[in-house]
Amino acid sequence: MKTVFAVIPAAEAVTSAIAGFQALPLADNARLVGLHVTPLAITYGLASDLALASYIEAQIAAAEQEREKAEAVFNDVCQRAGVAAEWRAVRSPDNIVSPHAGGMARAADIVLTPQLPAEASIGRHILEEIVFAAGRPVIALPEQWSGDSLSARVLVAWDGGREAARAAFDALPLLAHAEAVKIVSVTGSPEDPVRQFTPGDDIAVTLSRHGVAVETASADSTQKSVAEALNEQATQFGATLLVMGCYGHSRLRERLLGGVSRTMLQKVPLPLLLSN
């Protein structure tokens, strides 16, 4: 990989972002691009022009301080780590800045999104909206993540759907460098009633033609949710990365495709490679 973008909402995300960059299979001239989107103040229901002006000024000042701190920490840590990097910062008219950040990352080989508590950043991000807007594979990193490799042991969640297929092939550069790859199909759950299930054997054969050493397995979820079954499989396998498709974010699609993505994204349990 040569061009990696990292969405940096606050200085607290820098360490995980750089750790994620260094944990990827990188080309010699690989470059990390830090993205920061500052939300412009949006106000509702303030009683007077004076209050409105005061509020806006305070919000703009706080956002600017957050941007300056994030940029300073990013540049400093990259320099000390010997990472070739650049910083890009823009303003968005919306307080939910995820679609803007995702749109900025469309030229990336892959996008890193370190996770922070909601209160840790003025410009809060919604992970799935970055995935939808970017059109690129996105790796979500858990809070304060650090690790030596994202591609050491990769678990691929497979349900035969379009999103799962897209994720598996988006992950191919990592799978090709993996020590072990396991494709898991979860059966026995009513969560995906309209999904046409197909076994993972065909995708395993295709990936093996790319030199990927793949094993397949199935997990039963009659007594647990699909998300619980995947987390259990990831723990048993010692997965450093879980590859999975990400549903569309409309309520209709969420109802049709089930709650697996929602559960996994609410609290990222381990690095997730997401595609849509």
C-alpha atoms as a PDB file:
ATOM      1  CA  MET A   1       0.000   0.000   0.000  1.00  0.00           C
ATOM      2  CA  LYS A   2       1.269   3.436  -0.932  1.00  0.00           C
ATOM      3  CA  THR A   3      -1.376   6.012   0.021  1.00  0.00           C
ATOM      4  CA  VAL A   4      -3.105   5.748   3.391  1.00  0.00           C
ATOM      5  CA  PHE A   5      -5.516   8.355   4.711  1.00  0.00           C
ATOM      6  CA  ALA A   6      -6.311   8.624   8.413  1.00  0.00           C
ATOM      7  CA  VAL A   7      -9.293  10.542   9.767  1.00  0.00           C
ATOM      8  CA  ILE A   8      -7.962  12.452  12.797  1.00  0.00           C
ATOM      9  CA  PRO A   9     -10.812  14.143  14.707  1.00  0.00           C
ATOM     10  CA  ALA A  10      -8.609  15.017  17.689  1.00  0.00           C
ATOM     11  CA  ALA A  11      -5.044  14.718  18.943  1.00  0.00           C
ATOM     12  CA  GLU A  12      -5.992  11.620  20.954  1.00  0.00           C
ATOM     13  CA  ALA A  13      -6.442   9.703  17.671  1.00  0.00           C
ATOM     14  CA  VAL A  14      -2.915  10.305  16.374  1.00  0.00           C
ATOM     15  CA  THR A  15      -1.074   7.494  18.150  1.00  0.00           C
ATOM     16  CA  SER A  16      -3.549   4.827  16.998  1.00  0.00           C
ATOM     17  CA  ALA A  17      -3.543   6.193  13.440  1.00  0.00           C
ATOM     18  CA  ILE A  18       0.225   6.019  13.128  1.00  0.00           C
ATOM     19  CA  ALA A  19       0.318   2.583  14.748  1.00  0.00           C
ATOM     20  CA  GLY A  20      -2.297   1.437  12.216  1.00  0.00           C
ATOM     21  CA  PHE A  21      -0.275   2.882   9.333  1.00  0.00           C
ATOM     22  CA  GLN A  22       2.886   1.101  10.428  1.00  0.00           C
ATOM     23  CA  ALA A  23       0.935  -2.150  10.897  1.00  0.00           C
ATOM     24  CA  LEU A  24      -0.105  -2.249   7.230  1.00  0.00           C
ATOM     25  CA  PRO A  25       1.830  -3.971   4.404  1.00  0.00           C
ATOM     26  CA  LEU A  26       3.426  -0.790   3.037  1.00  0.00           C
ATOM     27  CA  ALA A  27       5.450   0.051  -0.051  1.00  0.00           C
ATOM     28  CA  ASP A  28       8.820   1.734   0.462  1.00  0.00           C
ATOM     29  CA  ASN A  29       7.414   5.122  -0.549  1.00  0.00           C
ATOM     30  CA  ALA A  30       4.154   4.843   1.426  1.00  0.00           C
ATOM     31  CA  ARG A  31       2.627   8.094   2.645  1.00  0.00           C
ATOM     32  CA  LEU A  32       0.177   8.866   5.430  1.00  0.00           C
ATOM     33  CA  VAL A  33      -2.303  11.703   4.926  1.00  0.00           C
ATOM     34  CA  GLY A  34      -3.992  13.024   8.053  1.00  0.00           C
ATOM     35  CA  LEU A  35      -7.515  14.403   7.545  1.00  0.00           C
ATOM     36  CA  HIS A  36      -9.222  16.772   9.942  1.00  0.00           C
ATOM     37  CA  VAL A  37     -12.631  18.316   9.327  1.00  0.00           C
ATOM     38  CA  THR A  38     -13.574  21.256  11.538  1.00  0.00           C
ATOM     39  CA  PRO A  39     -17.340  21.788  11.913  1.00  0.00           C
ATOM     40  CA  LEU A  40     -18.640  25.328  11.648  1.00  0.00           C
ATOM     41  CA  ALA A  41     -20.898  26.318  14.531  1.00  0.00           C
ATOM     42  CA  ILE A  42     -24.579  25.579  13.997  1.00  0.00           C
ATOM     43  CA  THR A  43     -26.982  27.147  16.462  1.00  0.00           C
ATOM     44  CA  TYR A  44     -30.649  26.705  17.201  1.00  0.00           C
ATOM     45  CA  GLY A  45     -32.983  28.526  19.554  1.00  0.00           C
ATOM     46  CA  LEU A  46     -30.621  31.136  20.968  1.00  0.00           C
ATOM     47  CA  ALA A  47     -32.533  34.084  22.376  1.00  0.00           C
ATOM     48  CA  SER A  48     -30.550  37.050  21.103  1.00  0.00           C
ATOM     49  CA  ASP A  49     -28.058  38.170  18.521  1.00  0.00           C
ATOM     50  CA  LEU A  50     -25.569  38.802  21.316  1.00  0.00           C
ATOM     51  CA  ALA A  51     -25.908  35.261  22.616  1.00  0.00           C
ATOM     52  CA  LEU A  52     -25.680  33.910  19.075  1.00  0.00           C
ATOM     53  CA  ALA A  53     -22.482  35.836  18.330  1.00  0.00           C
ATOM     54  CA  SER A  54     -20.917  34.805  21.623  1.00  0.00           C
ATOM     55  CA  TYR A  55     -21.782  31.155  21.080  1.00  0.00           C
ATOM     56  CA  ILE A  56     -20.433  31.086  17.539  1.00  0.00           C
ATOM     57  CA  GLU A  57     -17.193  32.754  18.568  1.00  0.00           C
ATOM     58  CA  ALA A  58     -16.681  30.246  21.381  1.00  0.00           C
ATOM     59  CA  GLN A  59     -17.382  27.275  19.105  1.00  0.00           C
ATOM     60  CA  ILE A  60     -15.073  28.519  16.365  1.00  0.00           C
ATOM     61  CA  ALA A  61     -12.299  29.152  18.882  1.00  0.00           C
ATOM     62  CA  ALA A  62     -12.683  25.682  20.446  1.00  0.00           C
ATOM     63  CA  ALA A  63     -12.697  23.963  17.050  1.00  0.00           C
ATOM     64  CA  GLU A  64      -9.631  25.903  15.951  1.00  0.00           C
ATOM     65  CA  GLN A  65      -7.774  24.943  19.126  1.00  0.00           C
ATOM     66  CA  GLU A  66      -8.663  21.303  18.572  1.00  0.00           C
ATOM     67  CA  ARG A  67      -7.414  21.453  14.969  1.00  0.00           C
ATOM     68  CA  GLU A  68      -4.147  23.131  15.937  1.00  0.00           C
ATOM     69  CA  LYS A  69      -3.470  20.597  18.679  1.00  0.00           C
ATOM     70  CA  ALA A  70      -4.272  17.635  16.410  1.00  0.00           C
ATOM     71  CA  GLU A  71      -2.029  18.986  13.636  1.00  0.00           C
ATOM     72  CA  ALA A  72       0.870  19.670  16.005  1.00  0.00           C
ATOM     73  CA  VAL A  73       0.698  16.207  17.576  1.00  0.00           C
ATOM     74  CA  PHE A  74       0.306  14.518  14.171  1.00  0.00           C
ATOM     75  CA  ASN A  75       3.334  16.272  12.678  1.00  0.00           C
ATOM     76  CA  ASP A  76       5.443  15.670  15.771  1.00  0.00           C
ATOM     77  CA  VAL A  77       4.669  11.958  16.113  1.00  0.00           C
ATOM     78  CA  CYS A  78       5.086  11.327  12.378  1.00  0.00           C
ATOM     79  CA  GLN A  79       8.457  13.053  12.388  1.00  0.00           C
ATOM     80  CA  ARG A  80       9.688  11.091  15.404  1.00  0.00           C
ATOM     81  CA  ALA A  81       8.423   7.823  13.859  1.00  0.00           C
ATOM     82  CA  GLY A  82      10.020   8.545  10.484  1.00  0.00           C
ATOM     83  CA  VAL A  83       6.653   8.449   8.699  1.00  0.00           C
ATOM     84  CA  ALA A  84       6.294  10.371   5.436  1.00  0.00           C
ATOM     85  CA  ALA A  85       3.124  12.357   6.025  1.00  0.00           C
ATOM     86  CA  GLU A  86       1.051  15.395   5.194  1.00  0.00           C
ATOM     87  CA  TRP A  87      -1.832  17.165   6.943  1.00  0.00           C
ATOM     88  CA  ARG A  88      -5.084  18.325   5.355  1.00  0.00           C
ATOM     89  CA  ALA A  89      -7.698  20.311   7.250  1.00  0.00           C
ATOM     90  CA  VAL A  90     -10.972  21.809   6.005  1.00  0.00           C
ATOM     91  CA  ARG A  91     -14.157  23.272   7.457  1.00  0.00           C
ATOM     92  CA  SER A  92     -17.558  21.665   7.090  1.00  0.00           C
ATOM     93  CA  PRO A  93     -20.913  23.463   7.471  1.00  0.00           C
ATOM     94  CA  ASP A  94     -22.317  20.419   9.281  1.00  0.00           C
ATOM     95  CA  ASN A  95     -21.500  19.391  12.842  1.00  0.00           C
ATOM     96  CA  ILE A  96     -21.639  15.742  11.723  1.00  0.00           C
ATOM     97  CA  VAL A  97     -18.533  15.875   9.567  1.00  0.00           C
ATOM     98  CA  SER A  98     -18.184  12.195   8.607  1.00  0.00           C
ATOM     99  CA  PRO A  99     -19.487  12.422   5.001  1.00  0.00           C
ATOM    100  CA  HIS A 100     -17.099  15.297   4.320  1.00  0.00           C
ATOM    101  CA  ALA A 101     -14.163  13.351   5.744  1.00  0.00           C
ATOM    102  CA  GLY A 102     -15.123  10.268   3.752  1.00  0.00           C
ATOM    103  CA  GLY A 103     -15.345  12.290   0.555  1.00  0.00           C
ATOM    104  CA  MET A 104     -11.839  13.648   1.114  1.00  0.00           C
ATOM    105  CA  ALA A 105     -10.465  10.105   1.409  1.00  0.00           C
ATOM    106  CA  ARG A 106     -11.553   8.724  -1.969  1.00  0.00           C
ATOM    107  CA  ALA A 107      -8.011   8.782  -3.366  1.00  0.00           C
ATOM    108  CA  ALA A 108      -6.696   6.463  -0.656  1.00  0.00           C
ATOM    109  CA  ASP A 109      -5.623   2.853  -0.984  1.00  0.00           C
ATOM    110  CA  ILE A 110      -7.175   2.424   2.454  1.00  0.00           C
ATOM    111  CA  VAL A 111      -8.622   4.690   5.160  1.00  0.00           C
ATOM    112  CA  LEU A 112      -7.877   4.458   8.881  1.00  0.00           C
ATOM    113  CA  THR A 113     -10.443   5.667  11.403  1.00  0.00           C
ATOM    114  CA  PRO A 114      -9.210   5.549  15.014  1.00  0.00           C
ATOM    115  CA  GLN A 115     -12.172   5.468  17.386  1.00  0.00           C
ATOM    116  CA  LEU A 116     -12.592   7.970  20.222  1.00  0.00           C
ATOM    117  CA  PRO A 117     -15.298   8.561  22.818  1.00  0.00           C
ATOM    118  CA  ALA A 118     -17.958  10.898  21.429  1.00  0.00           C
ATOM    119  CA  GLU A 119     -17.020  13.626  23.884  1.00  0.00           C
ATOM    120  CA  ALA A 120     -13.352  13.547  22.799  1.00  0.00           C
ATOM    121  CA  SER A 121     -13.926  15.574  19.650  1.00  0.00           C
ATOM    122  CA  ILE A 122     -15.993  18.586  18.662  1.00  0.00           C
ATOM    123  CA  GLY A 123     -16.391  17.169  15.166  1.00  0.00           C
ATOM    124  CA  ARG A 124     -17.920  13.814  15.991  1.00  0.00           C
ATOM    125  CA  HIS A 125     -17.702  11.056  13.386  1.00  0.00           C
ATOM    126  CA  ILE A 126     -20.185   8.335  12.523  1.00  0.00           C
ATOM    127  CA  LEU A 127     -18.087   5.438  11.286  1.00  0.00           C
ATOM    128  CA  GLU A 128     -20.489   3.975   8.750  1.00  0.00           C
ATOM    129  CA  GLU A 129     -20.980   7.371   7.109  1.00  0.00           C
ATOM    130  CA  ILE A 130     -17.244   7.551   6.437  1.00  0.00           C
ATOM    131  CA  VAL A 131     -17.474   4.102   4.829  1.00  0.00           C
ATOM    132  CA  PHE A 132     -20.405   5.103   2.609  1.00  0.00           C
ATOM    133  CA  ALA A 133     -18.902   8.434   1.569  1.00  0.00           C
ATOM    134  CA  ALA A 134     -15.373   7.212   0.902  1.00  0.00           C
ATOM    135  CA  GLY A 135     -16.118   4.308  -1.426  1.00  0.00           C
ATOM    136  CA  ARG A 136     -12.811   2.880  -0.189  1.00  0.00           C
ATOM    137  CA  PRO A 137     -12.022   0.156   2.339  1.00  0.00           C
ATOM    138  CA  VAL A 138     -11.974   1.587   5.846  1.00  0.00           C
ATOM    139  CA  ILE A 139     -10.179   0.102   8.848  1.00  0.00           C
ATOM    140  CA  ALA A 140     -11.757   1.105  12.141  1.00  0.00           C
ATOM    141  CA  LEU A 141      -9.282   0.956  15.015  1.00  0.00           C
ATOM    142  CA  PRO A 142     -10.481   0.473  18.611  1.00  0.00           C
ATOM    143  CA  GLU A 143      -9.796   3.207  21.133  1.00  0.00           C
ATOM    144  CA  GLN A 144      -6.091   3.449  22.034  1.00  0.00           C
ATOM    145  CA  TRP A 145      -5.229   0.613  19.632  1.00  0.00           C
ATOM    146  CA  SER A 146      -1.630  -0.440  19.164  1.00  0.00           C
ATOM    147  CA  GLY A 147      -0.310  -3.512  17.419  1.00  0.00           C
ATOM    148  CA  ASP A 148       2.514  -4.801  15.261  1.00  0.00           C
ATOM    149  CA  SER A 149       0.475  -6.055  12.306  1.00  0.00           C
ATOM    150  CA  LEU A 150      -3.058  -5.751  11.000  1.00  0.00           C
ATOM    151  CA  SER A 151      -2.592  -8.539   8.490  1.00  0.00           C
ATOM    152  CA  ALA A 152      -1.069 -11.266  10.684  1.00  0.00           C
ATOM    153  CA  ARG A 153      -4.250 -13.278  11.293  1.00  0.00           C
ATOM    154  CA  VAL A 154      -7.315 -12.164   9.341  1.00  0.00           C
ATOM    155  CA  LEU A 155     -10.868 -13.366   9.896  1.00  0.00           C
ATOM    156  CA  VAL A 156     -13.263 -12.786   6.984  1.00  0.00           C
ATOM    157  CA  ALA A 157     -16.997 -12.719   7.754  1.00  0.00           C
ATOM    158  CA  TRP A 158     -18.829 -14.285   4.828  1.00  0.00           C
ATOM    159  CA  ASP A 159     -22.571 -14.413   4.222  1.00  0.00           C
ATOM    160  CA  GLY A 160     -22.610 -14.490   0.416  1.00  0.00           C
ATOM    161  CA  GLY A 161     -23.839 -10.899   0.157  1.00  0.00           C
ATOM    162  CA  ARG A 162     -22.611  -8.078  -2.060  1.00  0.00           C
ATOM    163  CA  GLU A 163     -21.066  -6.177   0.839  1.00  0.00           C
ATOM    164  CA  ALA A 164     -19.175  -9.265   2.049  1.00  0.00           C
ATOM    165  CA  ALA A 165     -17.794  -9.886  -1.443  1.00  0.00           C
ATOM    166  CA  ARG A 166     -16.685  -6.283  -1.761  1.00  0.00           C
ATOM    167  CA  ALA A 167     -14.963  -6.402   1.633  1.00  0.00           C
ATOM    168  CA  ALA A 168     -13.140  -9.660   0.888  1.00  0.00           C
ATOM    169  CA  PHE A 169     -11.649  -8.332  -2.331  1.00  0.00           C
ATOM    170  CA  ASP A 170     -10.908  -4.902  -0.853  1.00  0.00           C
ATOM    171  CA  ALA A 171      -8.916  -6.746   1.809  1.00  0.00           C
ATOM    172  CA  LEU A 172      -6.884  -8.731  -0.732  1.00  0.00           C
ATOM    173  CA  PRO A 173      -3.655  -6.675  -0.307  1.00  0.00           C
ATOM    174  CA  LEU A 174      -3.727  -7.544   3.409  1.00  0.00           C
ATOM    175  CA  LEU A 175      -4.792 -11.155   2.889  1.00  0.00           C
ATOM    176  CA  ALA A 176      -1.852 -11.699   0.537  1.00  0.00           C
ATOM    177  CA  HIS A 177       0.541 -10.765   3.378  1.00  0.00           C
ATOM    178  CA  ALA A 178      -1.316 -12.622   6.129  1.00  0.00           C
ATOM    179  CA  GLU A 179       0.146 -15.488   8.116  1.00  0.00           C
ATOM    180  CA  ALA A 180      -3.318 -17.050   8.368  1.00  0.00           C
ATOM    181  CA  VAL A 181      -6.750 -16.294   6.880  1.00  0.00           C
ATOM    182  CA  LYS A 182     -10.008 -17.833   8.019  1.00  0.00           C
ATOM    183  CA  ILE A 183     -13.373 -17.391   6.317  1.00  0.00           C
ATOM    184  CA  VAL A 184     -16.289 -17.812   8.695  1.00  0.00           C
ATOM    185  CA  SER A 185     -19.921 -18.278   7.688  1.00  0.00           C
ATOM    186  CA  VAL A 186     -22.426 -17.833  10.502  1.00  0.00           C
ATOM    187  CA  THR A 187     -25.508 -20.024  10.210  1.00  0.00           C
ATOM    188  CA  GLY A 188     -28.665 -20.593  12.176  1.00  0.00           C
ATOM    189  CA  SER A 189     -29.618 -16.966  12.770  1.00  0.00           C
ATOM    190  CA  PRO A 190     -32.855 -15.242  11.703  1.00  0.00           C
ATOM    191  CA  GLU A 191     -31.070 -11.867  11.634  1.00  0.00           C
ATOM    192  CA  ASP A 192     -30.573 -11.907   7.846  1.00  0.00           C
ATOM    193  CA  PRO A 193     -33.819 -13.387   6.520  1.00  0.00           C
ATOM    194  CA  VAL A 194     -33.516 -11.918   3.010  1.00  0.00           C
ATOM    195  CA  ARG A 195     -29.802 -12.680   2.516  1.00  0.00           C
ATOM    196  CA  GLN A 196     -29.104 -15.472   0.064  1.00  0.00           C
ATOM    197  CA  PHE A 197     -26.546 -17.512   1.947  1.00  0.00           C
ATOM    198  CA  THR A 198     -23.698 -19.089  -0.002  1.00  0.00           C
ATOM    199  CA  PRO A 199     -20.905 -21.168   1.547  1.00  0.00           C
ATOM    200  CA  GLY A 200     -17.453 -19.693   1.839  1.00  0.00           C
ATOM    201  CA  ASP A 201     -15.795 -22.433  -0.229  1.00  0.00           C
ATOM    202  CA  ASP A 202     -16.068 -20.582  -3.546  1.00  0.00           C
ATOM    203  CA  ILE A 203     -14.566 -17.369  -2.220  1.00  0.00           C
ATOM    204  CA  ALA A 204     -11.835 -19.412  -0.523  1.00  0.00           C
ATOM    205  CA  VAL A 205     -10.889 -21.047  -3.833  1.00  0.00           C
ATOM    206  CA  THR A 206     -10.793 -17.676  -5.575  1.00  0.00           C
ATOM    207  CA  LEU A 207      -8.608 -16.128  -2.874  1.00  0.00           C
ATOM    208  CA  SER A 208      -6.283 -19.136  -2.886  1.00  0.00           C
ATOM    209  CA  ARG A 209      -5.574 -18.455  -6.559  1.00  0.00           C
ATOM    210  CA  HIS A 210      -4.074 -15.174  -5.396  1.00  0.00           C
ATOM    211  CA  GLY A 211      -1.681 -17.076  -3.134  1.00  0.00           C
ATOM    212  CA  VAL A 212      -3.753 -16.644   0.024  1.00  0.00           C
ATOM    213  CA  ALA A 213      -3.637 -19.601   2.416  1.00  0.00           C
ATOM    214  CA  VAL A 214      -7.288 -19.871   3.456  1.00  0.00           C
ATOM    215  CA  GLU A 215      -9.256 -22.093   5.750  1.00  0.00           C
ATOM    216  CA  THR A 216     -13.039 -22.081   6.061  1.00  0.00           C
ATOM    217  CA  ALA A 217     -15.320 -22.637   9.011  1.00  0.00           C
ATOM    218  CA  SER A 218     -18.930 -22.193  10.023  1.00  0.00           C
ATOM    219  CA  ALA A 219     -20.319 -20.914  13.293  1.00  0.00           C
ATOM    220  CA  ASP A 220     -23.743 -21.613  14.673  1.00  0.00           C
ATOM    221  CA  SER A 221     -25.713 -18.698  16.098  1.00  0.00           C
ATOM    222  CA  THR A 222     -28.945 -20.353  17.163  1.00  0.00           C
ATOM    223  CA  GLN A 223     -28.166 -19.484  20.785  1.00  0.00           C
ATOM    224  CA  LYS A 224     -26.394 -16.146  20.180  1.00  0.00           C
ATOM    225  CA  SER A 225     -26.321 -13.200  17.817  1.00  0.00           C
ATOM    226  CA  VAL A 226     -24.218 -13.187  14.661  1.00  0.00           C
ATOM    227  CA  ALA A 227     -22.043 -10.436  16.159  1.00  0.00           C
ATOM    228  CA  GLU A 228     -21.415 -12.561  19.262  1.00  0.00           C
ATOM    229  CA  ALA A 229     -20.549 -15.556  17.082  1.00  0.00           C
ATOM    230  CA  LEU A 230     -18.078 -13.489  15.035  1.00  0.00           C
ATOM    231  CA  ASN A 231     -16.437 -12.035  18.129  1.00  0.00           C
ATOM    232  CA  GLU A 232     -16.107 -15.528  19.591  1.00  0.00           C
ATOM    233  CA  GLN A 233     -14.527 -16.800  16.365  1.00  0.00           C
ATOM    234  CA  ALA A 234     -12.154 -13.821  16.242  1.00  0.00           C
ATOM    235  CA  THR A 235     -11.013 -14.449  19.816  1.00  0.00           C
ATOM    236  CA  GLN A 236     -10.456 -18.166  19.251  1.00  0.00           C
ATOM    237  CA  PHE A 237      -8.523 -17.474  16.036  1.00  0.00           C
ATOM    238  CA  GLY A 238      -6.456 -14.704  17.591  1.00  0.00           C
ATOM    239  CA  ALA A 239      -7.533 -12.376  14.797  1.00  0.00           C
ATOM    240  CA  THR A 240      -5.641  -9.135  14.280  1.00  0.00           C
ATOM    241  CA  LEU A 241      -8.271  -7.961  11.785  1.00  0.00           C
ATOM    242  CA  LEU A 242     -11.902  -8.766  11.041  1.00  0.00           C
ATOM    243  CA  VAL A 243     -13.091  -8.170   7.468  1.00  0.00           C
ATOM    244  CA  MET A 244     -16.801  -7.594   6.968  1.00  0.00           C
ATOM    245  CA  GLY A 245     -19.275  -5.829   4.718  1.00  0.00           C
ATOM    246  CA  CYS A 246     -21.082  -2.780   6.025  1.00  0.00           C
ATOM    247  CA  TYR A 247     -24.823  -2.324   5.501  1.00  0.00           C
ATOM    248  CA  GLY A 248     -26.446   0.734   4.010  1.00  0.00           C
ATOM    249  CA  HIS A 249     -27.437   3.227   6.704  1.00  0.00           C
ATOM    250  CA  SER A 250     -31.090   3.721   5.865  1.00  0.00           C
ATOM    251  CA  ARG A 251     -33.539   2.241   8.372  1.00  0.00           C
ATOM    252  CA  LEU A 252     -35.055   0.097   5.615  1.00  0.00           C
ATOM    253  CA  ARG A 253     -31.720  -1.485   4.682  1.00  0.00           C
ATOM    254  CA  GLU A 254     -30.796  -1.939   8.328  1.00  0.00           C
ATOM    255  CA  ARG A 255     -34.075  -3.767   8.919  1.00  0.00           C
ATOM    256  CA  LEU A 256     -33.547  -5.957   5.840  1.00  0.00           C
ATOM    257  CA  LEU A 257     -29.877  -6.729   6.380  1.00  0.00           C
ATOM    258  CA  GLY A 258     -29.940  -7.222  10.115  1.00  0.00           C
ATOM    259  CA  GLY A 259     -28.173  -5.708  13.073  1.00  0.00           C
ATOM    260  CA  VAL A 260     -24.705  -7.287  12.736  1.00  0.00           C
ATOM    261  CA  SER A 261     -22.991  -4.181  11.396  1.00  0.00           C
ATOM    262  CA  ARG A 262     -24.719  -1.926  13.912  1.00  0.00           C
ATOM    263  CA  THR A 263     -23.616  -4.093  16.847  1.00  0.00           C
ATOM    264  CA  MET A 264     -19.996  -4.277  15.690  1.00  0.00           C
ATOM    265  CA  LEU A 265     -19.751  -0.559  14.978  1.00  0.00           C
ATOM    266  CA  GLN A 266     -21.256   0.587  18.271  1.00  0.00           C
ATOM    267  CA  LYS A 267     -18.194  -0.694  20.115  1.00  0.00           C
ATOM    268  CA  VAL A 268     -15.366  -1.687  17.774  1.00  0.00           C
ATOM    269  CA  PRO A 269     -14.024  -4.873  19.418  1.00  0.00           C
ATOM    270  CA  LEU A 270     -10.901  -5.277  17.254  1.00  0.00           C
ATOM    271  CA  PRO A 271      -9.655  -3.679  14.023  1.00  0.00           C
ATOM    272  CA  LEU A 272     -12.438  -3.940  11.448  1.00  0.00           C
ATOM    273  CA  LEU A 273     -11.998  -3.629   7.694  1.00  0.00           C
ATOM    274  CA  LEU A 274     -15.325  -2.364   6.383  1.00  0.00           C
ATOM    275  CA  SER A 275     -16.595  -2.000   2.820  1.00  0.00           C
ATOM    276  CA  ASN A 276     -19.896  -1.125   1.231  1.00  0.00           C
END
